[in-house]
Amino acid sequence: MEFISANGIAMSVDISGAPNKPAVMFGNSLAADMEMWRASVSFLESDFTILRYDGRGHGASEATSGDYSLDLLGRDALSILDALGFGQIHYVGLSLGGMVGQWLAVNARERLKSLTLCATFSQADRGVWDERVTAVRTSGVAPMLDGTLQRWLTAPFRQTQVEETDRVREMILRTSVDGYAGSAAAIRDMEISDYPSRIDLPTLLVAGEQDPSAPPELMRKMHEEISGSEFSLIEDSAHVFTMEQPEQTANTIGRFLRSREQFQ
């Protein structure tokens, strides 16, 4: 992990994998940091240069106060690429990271070779997200913990994989109040409902079989809106299947990425 200056703040990034191989950038969920991809990317590092980063106000990246916007978070990602000297990349994003991915696909199309959208959506209930913004600014991130874990991980996983669940719990609690509330405001205020129909690059959509936040039927609808896109389902998983089913996730994403690079 290292720190770079990107879009006016200090951001935490990590580069791993195979040097001089195709680069893949991974964007995180709200209340998550780059740790959410750790297990999954371990299966991809032999064929790709892996770029992970902590979003604004998440993990070790600097927080700023006030409401964020999807435009701001998208420009954070572009600034990271510029600071590190990356040109075109494959982008993979989950939940909020997938919203950033949609923004990049429409507003910075020339920087992407492909797009993988995991457990995400393009329309949000403004009232629900406004309540989250207010609640976190009033009481902090901790009261969000139980509900988040229930949405992110299936009950059998939480009951049997106690150590991994504890790591997820710690990751959520590392999120700053400013980072959580600011990013939740970006989801609340985003206006990207027409973005799926405007995406014109190779795209894979990946849904968790038991995801209550971005259910498979919603992801299938986005798949139908994105011309030529592919769709895959991760079984026995909820919202953050990168941590619940890392190998299945890596195999699904890896097949798509390798097909775009025409690996033998």
Protein backbone atom coordinates (compact mmCIF):
# COMPACT_ATOMS: atom_id res chain seq x y z
CA MET A 1 0.00 0.00 0.00
CA GLU A 2 1.17 3.53 -0.75
CA PHE A 3 -0.24 7.05 -0.63
CA ILE A 4 -0.55 9.35 -3.60
CA SER A 5 -2.02 12.80 -4.13
CA ALA A 6 -5.12 12.50 -6.30
CA ASN A 7 -7.82 15.09 -6.96
CA GLY A 8 -6.54 17.23 -4.10
CA ILE A 9 -6.42 14.60 -1.33
CA ALA A 10 -4.15 11.81 -0.08
CA MET A 11 -5.44 8.47 -1.34
CA SER A 12 -4.35 4.97 -0.43
CA VAL A 13 -3.59 2.66 -3.37
CA ASP A 14 -2.12 -0.79 -3.86
CA ILE A 15 -0.57 -2.22 -7.02
CA SER A 16 0.06 -5.94 -7.23
CA GLY A 17 0.05 -8.76 -9.73
CA ALA A 18 2.03 -9.19 -12.92
CA PRO A 19 4.02 -6.17 -14.17
CA ASN A 20 3.44 -5.12 -17.77
CA LYS A 21 0.21 -7.11 -17.98
CA PRO A 22 -3.24 -5.60 -18.65
CA ALA A 23 -4.30 -3.36 -15.77
CA VAL A 24 -7.53 -3.84 -13.81
CA MET A 25 -8.82 -1.18 -11.41
CA PHE A 26 -11.16 -2.24 -8.59
CA GLY A 27 -13.72 0.10 -7.02
CA ASN A 28 -15.27 -0.57 -3.62
CA SER A 29 -18.67 -0.55 -2.00
CA LEU A 30 -19.82 2.14 0.41
CA ALA A 31 -18.34 1.37 3.86
CA ALA A 32 -15.66 -0.86 2.33
CA ASP A 33 -12.03 -0.40 1.45
CA MET A 34 -9.63 -2.25 -0.83
CA GLU A 35 -9.63 -5.19 1.59
CA MET A 36 -12.95 -6.31 0.09
CA TRP A 37 -11.08 -7.46 -3.05
CA ARG A 38 -8.08 -9.08 -1.35
CA ALA A 39 -9.16 -12.72 -1.61
CA SER A 40 -10.65 -12.40 -5.08
CA VAL A 41 -7.72 -10.66 -6.76
CA SER A 42 -5.28 -13.26 -5.47
CA PHE A 43 -6.66 -15.55 -8.19
CA LEU A 44 -6.07 -12.91 -10.90
CA GLU A 45 -2.59 -11.64 -10.09
CA SER A 46 -0.74 -13.98 -12.45
CA ASP A 47 -2.39 -12.49 -15.54
CA PHE A 48 -3.10 -8.86 -14.64
CA THR A 49 -1.70 -5.77 -13.00
CA ILE A 50 -4.09 -5.19 -10.10
CA LEU A 51 -4.88 -1.64 -8.94
CA ARG A 52 -6.94 -1.30 -5.77
CA TYR A 53 -7.67 1.93 -3.92
CA ASP A 54 -9.52 3.20 -0.86
CA GLY A 55 -12.28 5.61 -1.83
CA ARG A 56 -12.52 9.10 -0.41
CA GLY A 57 -13.06 8.90 3.36
CA HIS A 58 -12.71 5.10 3.36
CA GLY A 59 -9.90 2.92 4.65
CA ALA A 60 -6.70 4.96 4.78
CA SER A 61 -7.72 7.59 2.20
CA GLU A 62 -8.31 11.16 3.30
CA ALA A 63 -11.86 12.29 4.03
CA THR A 64 -13.40 15.62 3.14
CA SER A 65 -16.52 17.06 4.72
CA GLY A 66 -19.91 17.65 3.14
CA ASP A 67 -21.85 15.84 0.48
CA TYR A 68 -19.88 14.05 -2.23
CA SER A 69 -21.10 13.57 -5.79
CA LEU A 70 -20.67 10.74 -8.27
CA ASP A 71 -18.79 13.20 -10.45
CA LEU A 72 -16.33 13.83 -7.60
CA LEU A 73 -15.81 10.13 -6.95
CA GLY A 74 -15.38 9.41 -10.65
CA ARG A 75 -12.78 12.15 -10.92
CA ASP A 76 -10.99 10.65 -7.90
CA ALA A 77 -10.60 7.42 -9.89
CA LEU A 78 -9.37 9.25 -13.00
CA SER A 79 -6.91 11.27 -10.93
CA ILE A 80 -5.49 8.07 -9.46
CA LEU A 81 -4.96 6.65 -12.96
CA ASP A 82 -3.26 9.85 -14.07
CA ALA A 83 -1.04 10.05 -10.98
CA LEU A 84 0.12 6.47 -11.45
CA GLY A 85 0.57 6.73 -15.21
CA PHE A 86 -2.11 4.25 -16.25
CA GLY A 87 -3.73 4.71 -19.66
CA GLN A 88 -6.58 2.37 -20.59
CA ILE A 89 -7.69 -0.09 -17.93
CA HIS A 90 -10.36 -2.68 -17.26
CA TYR A 91 -12.61 -1.39 -14.49
CA VAL A 92 -14.40 -3.60 -11.95
CA GLY A 93 -16.69 -2.00 -9.36
CA LEU A 94 -19.12 -3.29 -6.76
CA SER A 95 -22.14 -1.34 -5.48
CA LEU A 96 -20.92 2.29 -5.16
CA GLY A 97 -17.86 1.20 -7.12
CA GLY A 98 -20.21 0.04 -9.88
CA MET A 99 -21.89 3.44 -9.91
CA VAL A 100 -18.47 5.02 -10.35
CA GLY A 101 -17.90 2.50 -13.14
CA GLN A 102 -21.06 3.63 -14.92
CA TRP A 103 -19.91 7.24 -14.60
CA LEU A 104 -16.52 6.38 -16.07
CA ALA A 105 -18.09 4.45 -18.95
CA VAL A 106 -20.19 7.45 -19.95
CA ASN A 107 -17.88 10.34 -19.06
CA ALA A 108 -14.41 8.85 -19.65
CA ARG A 109 -15.09 6.10 -22.18
CA GLU A 110 -11.63 6.39 -23.68
CA ARG A 111 -9.98 5.23 -20.42
CA LEU A 112 -11.78 1.87 -20.26
CA LYS A 113 -11.15 -1.36 -22.12
CA SER A 114 -14.07 -3.05 -20.41
CA LEU A 115 -16.48 -2.62 -17.52
CA THR A 116 -17.57 -5.12 -14.87
CA LEU A 117 -20.53 -4.05 -12.76
CA CYS A 118 -21.04 -6.06 -9.57
CA ALA A 119 -24.09 -5.82 -7.28
CA THR A 120 -24.94 -2.28 -8.33
CA PHE A 121 -27.77 -0.13 -9.65
CA SER A 122 -28.44 3.14 -11.46
CA GLN A 123 -31.43 4.43 -9.49
CA ALA A 124 -31.74 4.94 -5.73
CA ASP A 125 -34.55 5.70 -3.30
CA ARG A 126 -33.71 9.26 -2.30
CA GLY A 127 -35.60 9.05 1.00
CA VAL A 128 -33.81 5.89 2.14
CA TRP A 129 -30.40 7.31 1.37
CA ASP A 130 -31.17 10.68 2.92
CA GLU A 131 -32.07 8.85 6.13
CA ARG A 132 -28.70 7.08 6.09
CA VAL A 133 -26.82 10.33 5.56
CA THR A 134 -28.62 11.94 8.50
CA ALA A 135 -28.28 8.89 10.75
CA VAL A 136 -24.52 8.57 10.24
CA ARG A 137 -23.88 12.26 10.74
CA THR A 138 -25.93 12.10 13.93
CA SER A 139 -24.81 8.80 15.46
CA GLY A 140 -21.77 7.60 13.56
CA VAL A 141 -21.11 4.48 11.48
CA ALA A 142 -21.45 1.88 14.26
CA PRO A 143 -25.30 1.82 14.27
CA MET A 144 -25.16 0.88 10.56
CA LEU A 145 -23.08 -2.22 11.30
CA ASP A 146 -25.66 -4.97 11.91
CA GLY A 147 -27.89 -4.03 8.98
CA THR A 148 -24.89 -3.76 6.67
CA LEU A 149 -23.59 -7.20 7.64
CA GLN A 150 -27.03 -8.71 7.03
CA ARG A 151 -27.17 -7.22 3.54
CA TRP A 152 -23.58 -8.05 2.68
CA LEU A 153 -23.23 -11.65 3.86
CA THR A 154 -25.66 -14.57 4.00
CA ALA A 155 -26.68 -15.89 7.41
CA PRO A 156 -24.87 -19.26 6.97
CA PHE A 157 -21.64 -17.44 6.14
CA ARG A 158 -21.91 -15.12 9.15
CA GLN A 159 -22.58 -18.10 11.41
CA THR A 160 -19.78 -20.36 10.15
CA GLN A 161 -17.09 -17.96 8.94
CA VAL A 162 -16.68 -16.00 12.13
CA GLU A 163 -13.13 -14.73 11.56
CA GLU A 164 -13.90 -13.49 8.05
CA THR A 165 -17.11 -11.86 9.27
CA ASP A 166 -15.11 -10.11 11.98
CA ARG A 167 -12.75 -8.77 9.31
CA VAL A 168 -15.72 -7.40 7.39
CA ARG A 169 -17.04 -5.82 10.60
CA GLU A 170 -13.68 -4.14 11.23
CA MET A 171 -13.55 -2.87 7.65
CA ILE A 172 -16.97 -1.22 7.96
CA LEU A 173 -15.97 0.44 11.22
CA ARG A 174 -12.80 1.86 9.62
CA THR A 175 -15.01 4.05 7.44
CA SER A 176 -15.03 7.67 8.54
CA VAL A 177 -18.28 9.49 9.25
CA ASP A 178 -17.46 12.03 6.54
CA GLY A 179 -16.63 9.28 4.05
CA TYR A 180 -19.77 7.27 4.72
CA ALA A 181 -22.17 10.21 4.81
CA GLY A 182 -20.54 11.99 1.88
CA SER A 183 -20.62 8.88 -0.31
CA ALA A 184 -24.18 8.00 0.73
CA ALA A 185 -25.15 11.50 -0.37
CA ALA A 186 -23.54 10.81 -3.75
CA ILE A 187 -25.77 7.74 -4.13
CA ARG A 188 -28.80 9.73 -2.97
CA ASP A 189 -28.20 12.52 -5.47
CA MET A 190 -26.96 10.57 -8.50
CA GLU A 191 -28.86 10.98 -11.74
CA ILE A 192 -27.61 8.11 -13.89
CA SER A 193 -30.79 6.17 -14.67
CA ASP A 194 -30.09 6.59 -18.40
CA TYR A 195 -26.44 5.54 -18.14
CA PRO A 196 -26.94 1.79 -18.78
CA SER A 197 -28.50 2.53 -22.17
CA ARG A 198 -25.55 4.82 -22.99
CA ILE A 199 -22.77 2.34 -22.18
CA ASP A 200 -21.12 1.10 -25.37
CA LEU A 201 -18.13 -0.96 -24.28
CA PRO A 202 -17.73 -4.65 -23.35
CA THR A 203 -19.61 -5.06 -20.07
CA LEU A 204 -20.17 -7.87 -17.61
CA LEU A 205 -22.83 -7.67 -14.91
CA VAL A 206 -22.42 -9.91 -11.85
CA ALA A 207 -25.17 -10.43 -9.27
CA GLY A 208 -25.25 -12.18 -5.90
CA GLU A 209 -27.91 -14.87 -5.76
CA GLN A 210 -29.28 -13.66 -2.41
CA ASP A 211 -28.41 -9.96 -2.63
CA PRO A 212 -31.19 -7.79 -1.13
CA SER A 213 -29.55 -4.50 -2.20
CA ALA A 214 -29.01 -5.20 -5.90
CA PRO A 215 -31.09 -8.34 -6.48
CA PRO A 216 -30.51 -10.50 -9.56
CA GLU A 217 -33.72 -9.33 -11.23
CA LEU A 218 -32.52 -5.72 -11.01
CA MET A 219 -29.12 -6.63 -12.39
CA ARG A 220 -30.76 -8.57 -15.23
CA LYS A 221 -32.75 -5.46 -16.13
CA MET A 222 -29.52 -3.45 -16.35
CA HIS A 223 -28.04 -6.25 -18.44
CA GLU A 224 -30.92 -5.88 -20.90
CA GLU A 225 -30.33 -2.11 -21.07
CA ILE A 226 -26.59 -2.40 -21.81
CA SER A 227 -26.24 -3.48 -25.41
CA GLY A 228 -24.15 -6.61 -25.88
CA SER A 229 -23.48 -7.08 -22.17
CA GLU A 230 -23.00 -10.39 -20.37
CA PHE A 231 -24.61 -11.52 -17.11
CA SER A 232 -23.41 -13.94 -14.42
CA LEU A 233 -24.78 -15.05 -11.06
CA ILE A 234 -22.68 -15.84 -7.99
CA GLU A 235 -24.40 -18.60 -6.06
CA ASP A 236 -24.75 -18.79 -2.27
CA SER A 237 -23.89 -15.14 -1.77
CA ALA A 238 -25.38 -11.81 -0.80
CA HIS A 239 -24.18 -8.28 -1.65
CA VAL A 240 -20.41 -8.48 -1.12
CA PHE A 241 -19.76 -11.78 -2.86
CA THR A 242 -16.12 -10.82 -3.39
CA MET A 243 -15.54 -11.77 0.25
CA GLU A 244 -18.16 -14.50 0.57
CA GLN A 245 -17.32 -16.37 -2.65
CA PRO A 246 -13.90 -15.04 -3.69
CA GLU A 247 -12.86 -17.90 -5.97
CA GLN A 248 -16.21 -18.07 -7.78
CA THR A 249 -16.08 -14.29 -8.16
CA ALA A 250 -12.52 -14.34 -9.50
CA ASN A 251 -13.31 -17.13 -11.96
CA THR A 252 -16.33 -15.24 -13.27
CA ILE A 253 -14.54 -11.92 -13.67
CA GLY A 254 -11.32 -13.56 -14.85
CA ARG A 255 -13.02 -15.40 -17.70
CA PHE A 256 -14.51 -12.15 -18.93
CA LEU A 257 -11.27 -10.18 -18.65
CA ARG A 258 -9.22 -12.89 -20.32
CA SER A 259 -11.71 -13.07 -23.18
CA ARG A 260 -11.30 -9.33 -23.73
CA GLU A 261 -7.53 -9.72 -23.90
CA GLN A 262 -7.81 -12.91 -25.98
CA PHE A 263 -5.62 -14.88 -23.60
CA GLN A 264 -4.76 -18.36 -24.76
